[in-house]
């Protein structure tokens, strides 16, 4: 297995499996989300970040998870409607997954494990934990829940990665 995200797949709300190869050549911010979380206001700032940088090559991928105090009770159409209508998200949101524990999704196992990703160890401790991935699909950084998607720290790093070819 290579040290990038491109060998992983995730389920869209339609039930179709989508390869992360579809995002090859993009800078990607991967976030575990929850509609019942105090930090759900980050949906709006994630969307603002996406609108600001998407034409330059940023992609944001949201992975709803119910792993932290059952803060994502929604599934299926209910969850899709919440993200697309209520939060007005235009970036990809996938079906609910586990981001930690015995049933962790293979992508999150990779993202959180230095032995696999070759860069860092960082298991999500709460909702809205963010992983930043470069244009080659390599994990380059992570941000804890309390770091706003619109923070200077995240925007500066995204600009640097977008400038790299």
N, C-alpha and C. Protein backbone atom coordinates (compact mmCIF):
# COMPACT_ATOMS: atom_id res chain seq x y z
N UNK A 1 0.84 -1.18 0.00
CA UNK A 1 0.00 0.00 0.00
C UNK A 1 0.88 1.25 0.00
N UNK A 2 0.50 2.21 -0.81
CA UNK A 2 1.25 3.46 -0.88
C UNK A 2 0.88 4.37 0.29
N UNK A 3 1.72 5.36 0.51
CA UNK A 3 1.47 6.32 1.59
C UNK A 3 0.63 7.48 1.12
N UNK A 4 -0.49 7.19 0.47
CA UNK A 4 -1.40 8.27 0.06
C UNK A 4 -2.85 7.80 0.21
N UNK A 5 -3.77 8.74 0.02
CA UNK A 5 -5.19 8.46 0.25
C UNK A 5 -5.87 7.80 -0.94
N UNK A 6 -5.19 7.70 -2.07
CA UNK A 6 -5.85 7.31 -3.32
C UNK A 6 -6.29 5.85 -3.41
N UNK A 7 -5.82 5.00 -2.52
CA UNK A 7 -6.25 3.60 -2.56
C UNK A 7 -7.54 3.37 -1.79
N UNK A 8 -8.08 4.42 -1.18
CA UNK A 8 -9.29 4.27 -0.36
C UNK A 8 -10.55 4.64 -1.12
N UNK A 9 -11.66 4.08 -0.65
CA UNK A 9 -12.98 4.36 -1.22
C UNK A 9 -13.92 4.74 -0.07
N UNK A 10 -14.97 5.46 -0.42
CA UNK A 10 -15.97 5.84 0.57
C UNK A 10 -17.34 5.78 -0.09
N UNK A 11 -18.37 5.57 0.71
CA UNK A 11 -19.73 5.48 0.18
C UNK A 11 -20.40 6.85 0.14
N UNK A 12 -20.92 7.19 -1.04
CA UNK A 12 -21.73 8.40 -1.17
C UNK A 12 -23.12 8.09 -0.62
N UNK A 13 -23.92 9.13 -0.43
CA UNK A 13 -25.28 8.92 0.08
C UNK A 13 -26.10 8.04 -0.86
N UNK A 14 -25.80 8.06 -2.14
CA UNK A 14 -26.52 7.24 -3.12
C UNK A 14 -26.23 5.75 -2.94
N UNK A 15 -25.19 5.44 -2.16
CA UNK A 15 -24.78 4.05 -1.99
C UNK A 15 -23.65 3.68 -2.93
N UNK A 16 -23.32 4.57 -3.86
CA UNK A 16 -22.23 4.33 -4.81
C UNK A 16 -20.90 4.51 -4.09
N UNK A 17 -19.99 3.59 -4.39
CA UNK A 17 -18.65 3.68 -3.82
C UNK A 17 -17.82 4.66 -4.66
N UNK A 18 -17.16 5.59 -4.01
CA UNK A 18 -16.36 6.59 -4.72
C UNK A 18 -14.89 6.44 -4.32
N UNK A 19 -14.04 6.36 -5.31
CA UNK A 19 -12.61 6.25 -5.06
C UNK A 19 -12.02 7.62 -4.75
N UNK A 20 -11.12 7.67 -3.79
CA UNK A 20 -10.47 8.94 -3.49
C UNK A 20 -9.46 9.30 -4.59
N UNK A 21 -9.23 8.38 -5.52
CA UNK A 21 -8.44 8.72 -6.71
C UNK A 21 -9.08 9.87 -7.48
N UNK A 22 -10.39 10.03 -7.33
CA UNK A 22 -11.11 11.13 -7.99
C UNK A 22 -10.56 12.50 -7.57
N UNK A 23 -9.85 12.54 -6.45
CA UNK A 23 -9.34 13.81 -5.93
C UNK A 23 -7.83 13.95 -6.12
N UNK A 24 -7.27 13.06 -6.94
CA UNK A 24 -5.84 13.12 -7.22
C UNK A 24 -5.48 14.47 -7.82
N UNK A 25 -4.35 15.04 -7.37
CA UNK A 25 -3.90 16.34 -7.86
C UNK A 25 -4.51 17.52 -7.13
N UNK A 26 -5.40 17.26 -6.19
CA UNK A 26 -6.04 18.32 -5.40
C UNK A 26 -5.41 18.36 -4.00
N UNK A 27 -5.48 19.52 -3.37
CA UNK A 27 -5.19 19.62 -1.95
C UNK A 27 -6.51 19.28 -1.27
N UNK A 28 -6.47 18.38 -0.29
CA UNK A 28 -7.70 17.87 0.32
C UNK A 28 -7.69 18.08 1.83
N UNK A 29 -8.80 18.62 2.33
CA UNK A 29 -9.03 18.72 3.77
C UNK A 29 -10.11 17.71 4.12
N UNK A 30 -9.76 16.74 4.96
CA UNK A 30 -10.69 15.67 5.36
C UNK A 30 -11.13 15.96 6.79
N UNK A 31 -12.46 15.94 7.00
CA UNK A 31 -13.02 16.35 8.30
C UNK A 31 -14.10 15.36 8.74
N UNK A 32 -14.04 14.93 10.01
CA UNK A 32 -15.15 14.14 10.55
C UNK A 32 -16.15 15.11 11.17
N UNK A 33 -17.40 14.99 10.78
CA UNK A 33 -18.43 15.96 11.15
C UNK A 33 -19.55 15.31 11.99
N UNK A 34 -20.34 16.17 12.62
CA UNK A 34 -21.51 15.71 13.37
C UNK A 34 -22.51 16.85 13.48
N UNK A 35 -23.73 16.60 13.05
CA UNK A 35 -24.75 17.65 13.01
C UNK A 35 -25.25 18.08 14.38
N UNK A 36 -25.04 17.24 15.41
CA UNK A 36 -25.50 17.58 16.74
C UNK A 36 -24.41 18.15 17.64
N UNK A 37 -23.25 18.40 17.07
CA UNK A 37 -22.10 18.87 17.84
C UNK A 37 -22.11 20.39 18.00
N UNK A 38 -21.60 20.87 19.11
CA UNK A 38 -21.45 22.31 19.35
C UNK A 38 -20.65 22.95 18.22
N UNK A 39 -19.67 22.24 17.68
CA UNK A 39 -18.79 22.78 16.64
C UNK A 39 -19.41 22.71 15.24
N UNK A 40 -20.69 22.35 15.14
CA UNK A 40 -21.33 22.24 13.82
C UNK A 40 -21.32 23.56 13.06
N UNK A 41 -21.10 24.67 13.75
CA UNK A 41 -20.99 25.95 13.05
C UNK A 41 -19.80 25.94 12.09
N UNK A 42 -18.90 24.98 12.27
CA UNK A 42 -17.78 24.85 11.34
C UNK A 42 -18.23 24.39 9.95
N UNK A 43 -19.44 23.85 9.83
CA UNK A 43 -19.95 23.54 8.49
C UNK A 43 -19.91 24.81 7.64
N UNK A 44 -20.37 25.93 8.21
CA UNK A 44 -20.41 27.21 7.47
C UNK A 44 -19.00 27.68 7.12
N UNK A 45 -18.06 27.57 8.07
CA UNK A 45 -16.70 28.03 7.78
C UNK A 45 -15.98 27.08 6.83
N UNK A 46 -16.29 25.80 6.89
CA UNK A 46 -15.74 24.86 5.90
C UNK A 46 -16.23 25.23 4.51
N UNK A 47 -17.51 25.55 4.40
CA UNK A 47 -18.07 25.94 3.10
C UNK A 47 -17.41 27.23 2.60
N UNK A 48 -17.20 28.20 3.50
CA UNK A 48 -16.52 29.44 3.10
C UNK A 48 -15.10 29.16 2.60
N UNK A 49 -14.39 28.30 3.32
CA UNK A 49 -13.03 27.92 2.91
C UNK A 49 -13.05 27.25 1.54
N UNK A 50 -14.02 26.37 1.35
CA UNK A 50 -14.16 25.66 0.07
C UNK A 50 -14.42 26.65 -1.06
N UNK A 51 -15.34 27.57 -0.86
CA UNK A 51 -15.65 28.56 -1.90
C UNK A 51 -14.43 29.44 -2.21
N UNK A 52 -13.65 29.72 -1.19
CA UNK A 52 -12.47 30.58 -1.37
C UNK A 52 -11.38 29.90 -2.21
N UNK A 53 -11.20 28.59 -2.04
CA UNK A 53 -10.05 27.91 -2.65
C UNK A 53 -10.39 26.82 -3.66
N UNK A 54 -11.65 26.48 -3.86
CA UNK A 54 -11.98 25.34 -4.72
C UNK A 54 -11.49 25.52 -6.16
N UNK A 55 -11.56 26.73 -6.68
CA UNK A 55 -11.13 26.96 -8.06
C UNK A 55 -9.61 26.89 -8.22
N UNK A 56 -8.90 26.92 -7.10
CA UNK A 56 -7.44 26.80 -7.13
C UNK A 56 -6.98 25.36 -6.88
N UNK A 57 -7.94 24.48 -6.55
CA UNK A 57 -7.59 23.08 -6.39
C UNK A 57 -7.80 22.49 -5.01
N UNK A 58 -8.57 23.16 -4.15
CA UNK A 58 -8.89 22.59 -2.83
C UNK A 58 -10.15 21.75 -2.92
N UNK A 59 -10.14 20.63 -2.24
CA UNK A 59 -11.33 19.81 -2.08
C UNK A 59 -11.50 19.55 -0.59
N UNK A 60 -12.72 19.61 -0.11
CA UNK A 60 -13.03 19.26 1.28
C UNK A 60 -13.91 18.02 1.24
N UNK A 61 -13.56 17.04 2.05
CA UNK A 61 -14.33 15.80 2.14
C UNK A 61 -14.81 15.65 3.57
N UNK A 62 -16.13 15.56 3.75
CA UNK A 62 -16.72 15.42 5.08
C UNK A 62 -17.16 13.98 5.31
N UNK A 63 -16.80 13.49 6.48
CA UNK A 63 -17.17 12.14 6.88
C UNK A 63 -17.92 12.21 8.21
N UNK A 64 -19.27 12.23 8.14
CA UNK A 64 -20.05 12.23 9.38
C UNK A 64 -19.73 11.00 10.22
N UNK A 65 -19.72 11.21 11.53
CA UNK A 65 -19.43 10.12 12.45
C UNK A 65 -20.24 10.30 13.73
N UNK A 66 -20.66 9.19 14.28
CA UNK A 66 -21.43 9.19 15.53
C UNK A 66 -20.57 8.67 16.69
N UNK A 67 -19.25 8.77 16.55
CA UNK A 67 -18.33 8.18 17.52
C UNK A 67 -18.17 8.98 18.81
N UNK A 68 -18.62 10.23 18.82
CA UNK A 68 -18.40 11.07 19.99
C UNK A 68 -19.73 11.50 20.59
N UNK A 69 -20.11 10.81 21.67
CA UNK A 69 -21.34 11.11 22.42
C UNK A 69 -22.59 11.14 21.55
N UNK A 70 -22.66 10.29 20.56
CA UNK A 70 -23.85 10.16 19.71
C UNK A 70 -24.32 11.50 19.14
N UNK A 71 -23.36 12.31 18.67
CA UNK A 71 -23.70 13.63 18.16
C UNK A 71 -24.02 13.64 16.67
N UNK A 72 -24.03 12.46 16.05
CA UNK A 72 -24.52 12.37 14.67
C UNK A 72 -25.55 11.26 14.59
N UNK A 73 -26.77 11.55 15.07
CA UNK A 73 -27.82 10.53 15.05
C UNK A 73 -28.41 10.32 13.66
N UNK A 74 -28.22 11.29 12.77
CA UNK A 74 -28.82 11.20 11.43
C UNK A 74 -28.06 10.21 10.56
N UNK A 75 -28.82 9.59 9.66
CA UNK A 75 -28.23 8.70 8.65
C UNK A 75 -28.97 8.93 7.34
N UNK A 76 -28.45 8.35 6.27
CA UNK A 76 -29.13 8.34 4.99
C UNK A 76 -29.65 9.67 4.51
N UNK A 77 -30.88 9.66 3.99
CA UNK A 77 -31.49 10.85 3.40
C UNK A 77 -31.62 11.98 4.43
N UNK A 78 -31.91 11.64 5.67
CA UNK A 78 -32.03 12.64 6.73
C UNK A 78 -30.71 13.41 6.89
N UNK A 79 -29.60 12.70 6.89
CA UNK A 79 -28.28 13.31 7.03
C UNK A 79 -27.91 14.09 5.76
N UNK A 80 -28.16 13.51 4.62
CA UNK A 80 -27.87 14.19 3.35
C UNK A 80 -28.65 15.50 3.24
N UNK A 81 -29.93 15.47 3.59
CA UNK A 81 -30.77 16.66 3.54
C UNK A 81 -30.24 17.72 4.51
N UNK A 82 -29.88 17.31 5.71
CA UNK A 82 -29.33 18.25 6.68
C UNK A 82 -28.09 18.96 6.10
N UNK A 83 -27.17 18.20 5.55
CA UNK A 83 -25.91 18.78 5.05
C UNK A 83 -26.15 19.69 3.84
N UNK A 84 -26.96 19.23 2.90
CA UNK A 84 -27.13 19.97 1.64
C UNK A 84 -28.12 21.12 1.75
N UNK A 85 -29.19 20.95 2.52
CA UNK A 85 -30.23 21.98 2.61
C UNK A 85 -29.98 22.91 3.81
N UNK A 86 -29.93 22.33 4.99
CA UNK A 86 -29.79 23.16 6.20
C UNK A 86 -28.45 23.86 6.28
N UNK A 87 -27.36 23.11 6.02
CA UNK A 87 -26.02 23.69 6.13
C UNK A 87 -25.52 24.24 4.79
N UNK A 88 -26.22 23.91 3.70
CA UNK A 88 -25.88 24.39 2.35
C UNK A 88 -24.45 24.02 1.95
N UNK A 89 -24.08 22.78 2.22
CA UNK A 89 -22.76 22.26 1.88
C UNK A 89 -22.72 21.89 0.40
N UNK A 90 -21.68 22.33 -0.29
CA UNK A 90 -21.52 21.96 -1.71
C UNK A 90 -20.34 21.02 -1.92
N UNK A 91 -19.50 20.84 -0.91
CA UNK A 91 -18.39 19.88 -1.04
C UNK A 91 -18.90 18.48 -0.72
N UNK A 92 -18.16 17.44 -1.13
CA UNK A 92 -18.63 16.07 -0.90
C UNK A 92 -18.78 15.70 0.58
N UNK A 93 -19.93 15.12 0.89
CA UNK A 93 -20.20 14.57 2.21
C UNK A 93 -20.55 13.10 1.99
N UNK A 94 -19.89 12.23 2.73
CA UNK A 94 -20.08 10.80 2.54
C UNK A 94 -20.99 10.22 3.61
N UNK A 95 -21.34 8.95 3.45
CA UNK A 95 -22.16 8.27 4.45
C UNK A 95 -21.42 8.21 5.77
N UNK A 96 -22.19 8.10 6.84
CA UNK A 96 -21.65 8.05 8.19
C UNK A 96 -20.69 6.86 8.35
N UNK A 97 -19.57 7.12 9.02
CA UNK A 97 -18.55 6.09 9.25
C UNK A 97 -18.05 6.17 10.70
N UNK A 98 -17.20 5.21 11.06
CA UNK A 98 -16.49 5.26 12.33
C UNK A 98 -15.10 5.83 12.06
N UNK A 99 -14.67 6.78 12.91
CA UNK A 99 -13.36 7.40 12.74
C UNK A 99 -12.36 6.95 13.80
N UNK A 100 -12.82 6.08 14.71
CA UNK A 100 -11.94 5.52 15.75
C UNK A 100 -12.56 4.21 16.23
N UNK A 101 -11.79 3.47 16.99
CA UNK A 101 -12.31 2.25 17.61
C UNK A 101 -12.17 1.01 16.74
N UNK A 102 -12.85 -0.04 17.16
CA UNK A 102 -12.74 -1.35 16.51
C UNK A 102 -13.23 -1.36 15.07
N UNK A 103 -14.16 -0.49 14.74
CA UNK A 103 -14.76 -0.50 13.40
C UNK A 103 -14.35 0.71 12.58
N UNK A 104 -13.19 1.28 12.89
CA UNK A 104 -12.71 2.47 12.20
C UNK A 104 -12.64 2.22 10.68
N UNK A 105 -13.08 3.20 9.91
CA UNK A 105 -13.01 3.12 8.45
C UNK A 105 -11.53 3.04 8.05
N UNK A 106 -11.20 2.24 7.04
CA UNK A 106 -9.79 2.11 6.61
C UNK A 106 -9.11 3.45 6.32
N UNK A 107 -9.84 4.41 5.75
CA UNK A 107 -9.24 5.72 5.49
C UNK A 107 -8.79 6.38 6.79
N UNK A 108 -9.64 6.34 7.80
CA UNK A 108 -9.29 6.97 9.08
C UNK A 108 -8.21 6.19 9.82
N UNK A 109 -8.17 4.89 9.63
CA UNK A 109 -7.08 4.11 10.19
C UNK A 109 -5.76 4.60 9.59
N UNK A 110 -5.74 4.84 8.29
CA UNK A 110 -4.56 5.37 7.59
C UNK A 110 -4.22 6.78 8.06
N UNK A 111 -5.22 7.67 8.08
CA UNK A 111 -4.97 9.07 8.43
C UNK A 111 -4.39 9.23 9.83
N UNK A 112 -4.82 8.39 10.75
CA UNK A 112 -4.46 8.57 12.15
C UNK A 112 -3.23 7.77 12.58
N UNK A 113 -2.61 7.02 11.68
CA UNK A 113 -1.56 6.10 12.07
C UNK A 113 -0.25 6.37 11.32
N UNK A 114 0.76 6.82 12.03
CA UNK A 114 2.06 7.16 11.43
C UNK A 114 2.69 5.96 10.72
N UNK A 115 2.50 4.77 11.25
CA UNK A 115 3.08 3.58 10.61
C UNK A 115 2.51 3.38 9.21
N UNK A 116 1.30 3.85 8.98
CA UNK A 116 0.66 3.70 7.67
C UNK A 116 0.87 4.92 6.79
N UNK A 117 0.68 6.13 7.35
CA UNK A 117 0.75 7.34 6.52
C UNK A 117 2.16 7.90 6.41
N UNK A 118 3.08 7.43 7.26
CA UNK A 118 4.46 7.84 7.18
C UNK A 118 4.77 9.21 7.74
N UNK A 119 3.76 9.91 8.29
CA UNK A 119 3.97 11.29 8.71
C UNK A 119 3.60 11.53 10.17
N UNK A 120 2.39 11.19 10.56
CA UNK A 120 1.93 11.59 11.89
C UNK A 120 0.94 10.62 12.49
N UNK A 121 0.87 10.67 13.81
CA UNK A 121 -0.15 9.95 14.58
C UNK A 121 -1.13 10.99 15.10
N UNK A 122 -2.39 10.85 14.76
CA UNK A 122 -3.40 11.80 15.25
C UNK A 122 -4.79 11.21 15.09
N UNK A 123 -5.24 10.50 16.10
CA UNK A 123 -6.60 9.96 16.09
C UNK A 123 -7.56 11.07 16.51
N UNK A 124 -8.69 11.23 15.81
CA UNK A 124 -9.64 12.26 16.22
C UNK A 124 -10.06 12.06 17.67
N UNK A 125 -10.02 13.17 18.41
CA UNK A 125 -10.47 13.16 19.80
C UNK A 125 -11.89 13.70 19.93
N UNK A 126 -12.39 14.30 18.84
CA UNK A 126 -13.73 14.86 18.83
C UNK A 126 -14.14 15.10 17.39
N UNK A 127 -15.35 15.60 17.20
CA UNK A 127 -15.85 15.93 15.87
C UNK A 127 -15.06 17.12 15.30
N UNK A 128 -15.04 17.23 13.99
CA UNK A 128 -14.39 18.33 13.26
C UNK A 128 -12.87 18.35 13.43
N UNK A 129 -12.28 17.17 13.57
CA UNK A 129 -10.83 17.00 13.50
C UNK A 129 -10.48 17.03 12.01
N UNK A 130 -9.43 17.73 11.65
CA UNK A 130 -9.13 17.96 10.23
C UNK A 130 -7.76 17.41 9.86
N UNK A 131 -7.70 16.75 8.69
CA UNK A 131 -6.43 16.29 8.12
C UNK A 131 -6.22 17.02 6.80
N UNK A 132 -5.01 17.51 6.60
CA UNK A 132 -4.67 18.19 5.36
C UNK A 132 -3.77 17.28 4.54
N UNK A 133 -4.13 17.14 3.26
CA UNK A 133 -3.46 16.22 2.36
C UNK A 133 -2.97 17.01 1.15
N UNK A 134 -1.72 16.76 0.73
CA UNK A 134 -1.17 17.51 -0.41
C UNK A 134 -1.63 16.95 -1.75
N UNK A 135 -1.18 17.55 -2.84
CA UNK A 135 -1.61 17.16 -4.19
C UNK A 135 -1.19 15.74 -4.57
N UNK A 136 -0.26 15.15 -3.82
CA UNK A 136 0.19 13.78 -4.08
C UNK A 136 -0.55 12.76 -3.21
N UNK A 137 -1.51 13.27 -2.41
CA UNK A 137 -2.30 12.38 -1.57
C UNK A 137 -1.66 12.05 -0.25
N UNK A 138 -0.60 12.76 0.11
CA UNK A 138 0.12 12.51 1.36
C UNK A 138 -0.42 13.39 2.49
N UNK A 139 -0.59 12.81 3.66
CA UNK A 139 -1.01 13.55 4.83
C UNK A 139 0.14 14.46 5.23
N UNK A 140 -0.13 15.76 5.36
CA UNK A 140 0.94 16.70 5.72
C UNK A 140 0.69 17.40 7.05
N UNK A 141 -0.54 17.44 7.53
CA UNK A 141 -0.81 18.13 8.78
C UNK A 141 -2.19 17.72 9.30
N UNK A 142 -2.46 18.08 10.55
CA UNK A 142 -3.78 17.87 11.12
C UNK A 142 -4.09 19.04 12.03
N UNK A 143 -5.38 19.22 12.29
CA UNK A 143 -5.84 20.34 13.13
C UNK A 143 -6.92 19.81 14.06
N UNK A 144 -6.80 20.18 15.32
CA UNK A 144 -7.79 19.76 16.30
C UNK A 144 -9.12 20.48 16.06
N UNK A 145 -10.14 19.96 16.68
CA UNK A 145 -11.50 20.46 16.58
C UNK A 145 -11.60 21.97 16.72
N UNK A 146 -10.93 22.52 17.72
CA UNK A 146 -11.10 23.94 18.03
C UNK A 146 -10.42 24.87 17.02
N UNK A 147 -9.66 24.33 16.08
CA UNK A 147 -9.03 25.17 15.04
C UNK A 147 -10.06 25.45 13.95
N UNK A 148 -10.41 26.71 13.79
CA UNK A 148 -11.39 27.10 12.79
C UNK A 148 -10.86 26.83 11.38
N UNK A 149 -11.71 26.32 10.50
CA UNK A 149 -11.28 26.13 9.11
C UNK A 149 -10.79 27.42 8.46
N UNK A 150 -11.26 28.57 8.93
CA UNK A 150 -10.85 29.86 8.36
C UNK A 150 -9.66 30.47 9.10
N UNK A 151 -9.03 29.72 10.00
CA UNK A 151 -7.88 30.24 10.74
C UNK A 151 -6.73 30.56 9.78
N UNK A 152 -5.90 31.51 10.18
CA UNK A 152 -4.73 31.84 9.38
C UNK A 152 -3.83 30.63 9.20
N UNK A 153 -3.71 29.84 10.22
CA UNK A 153 -2.85 28.65 10.18
C UNK A 153 -3.27 27.70 9.05
N UNK A 154 -4.55 27.42 8.96
CA UNK A 154 -5.04 26.51 7.92
C UNK A 154 -4.95 27.17 6.55
N UNK A 155 -5.39 28.41 6.44
CA UNK A 155 -5.37 29.08 5.14
C UNK A 155 -3.95 29.24 4.59
N UNK A 156 -3.01 29.59 5.45
CA UNK A 156 -1.62 29.74 5.01
C UNK A 156 -1.07 28.43 4.48
N UNK A 157 -1.34 27.35 5.21
CA UNK A 157 -0.84 26.02 4.78
C UNK A 157 -1.51 25.58 3.48
N UNK A 158 -2.79 25.87 3.31
CA UNK A 158 -3.48 25.52 2.07
C UNK A 158 -2.88 26.30 0.91
N UNK A 159 -2.65 27.60 1.11
CA UNK A 159 -2.02 28.42 0.05
C UNK A 159 -0.67 27.86 -0.36
N UNK A 160 0.14 27.44 0.64
CA UNK A 160 1.45 26.87 0.34
C UNK A 160 1.31 25.61 -0.50
N UNK A 161 0.40 24.74 -0.11
CA UNK A 161 0.21 23.48 -0.84
C UNK A 161 -0.36 23.71 -2.23
N UNK A 162 -1.26 24.67 -2.36
CA UNK A 162 -1.82 24.97 -3.68
C UNK A 162 -0.76 25.54 -4.63
N UNK A 163 0.23 26.22 -4.07
CA UNK A 163 1.28 26.83 -4.89
C UNK A 163 2.28 25.77 -5.38
N UNK A 164 2.34 24.63 -4.70
CA UNK A 164 3.25 23.55 -5.10
C UNK A 164 2.67 22.80 -6.28
N UNK A 165 3.53 22.41 -7.17
CA UNK A 165 3.07 21.63 -8.33
C UNK A 165 3.46 20.17 -8.21
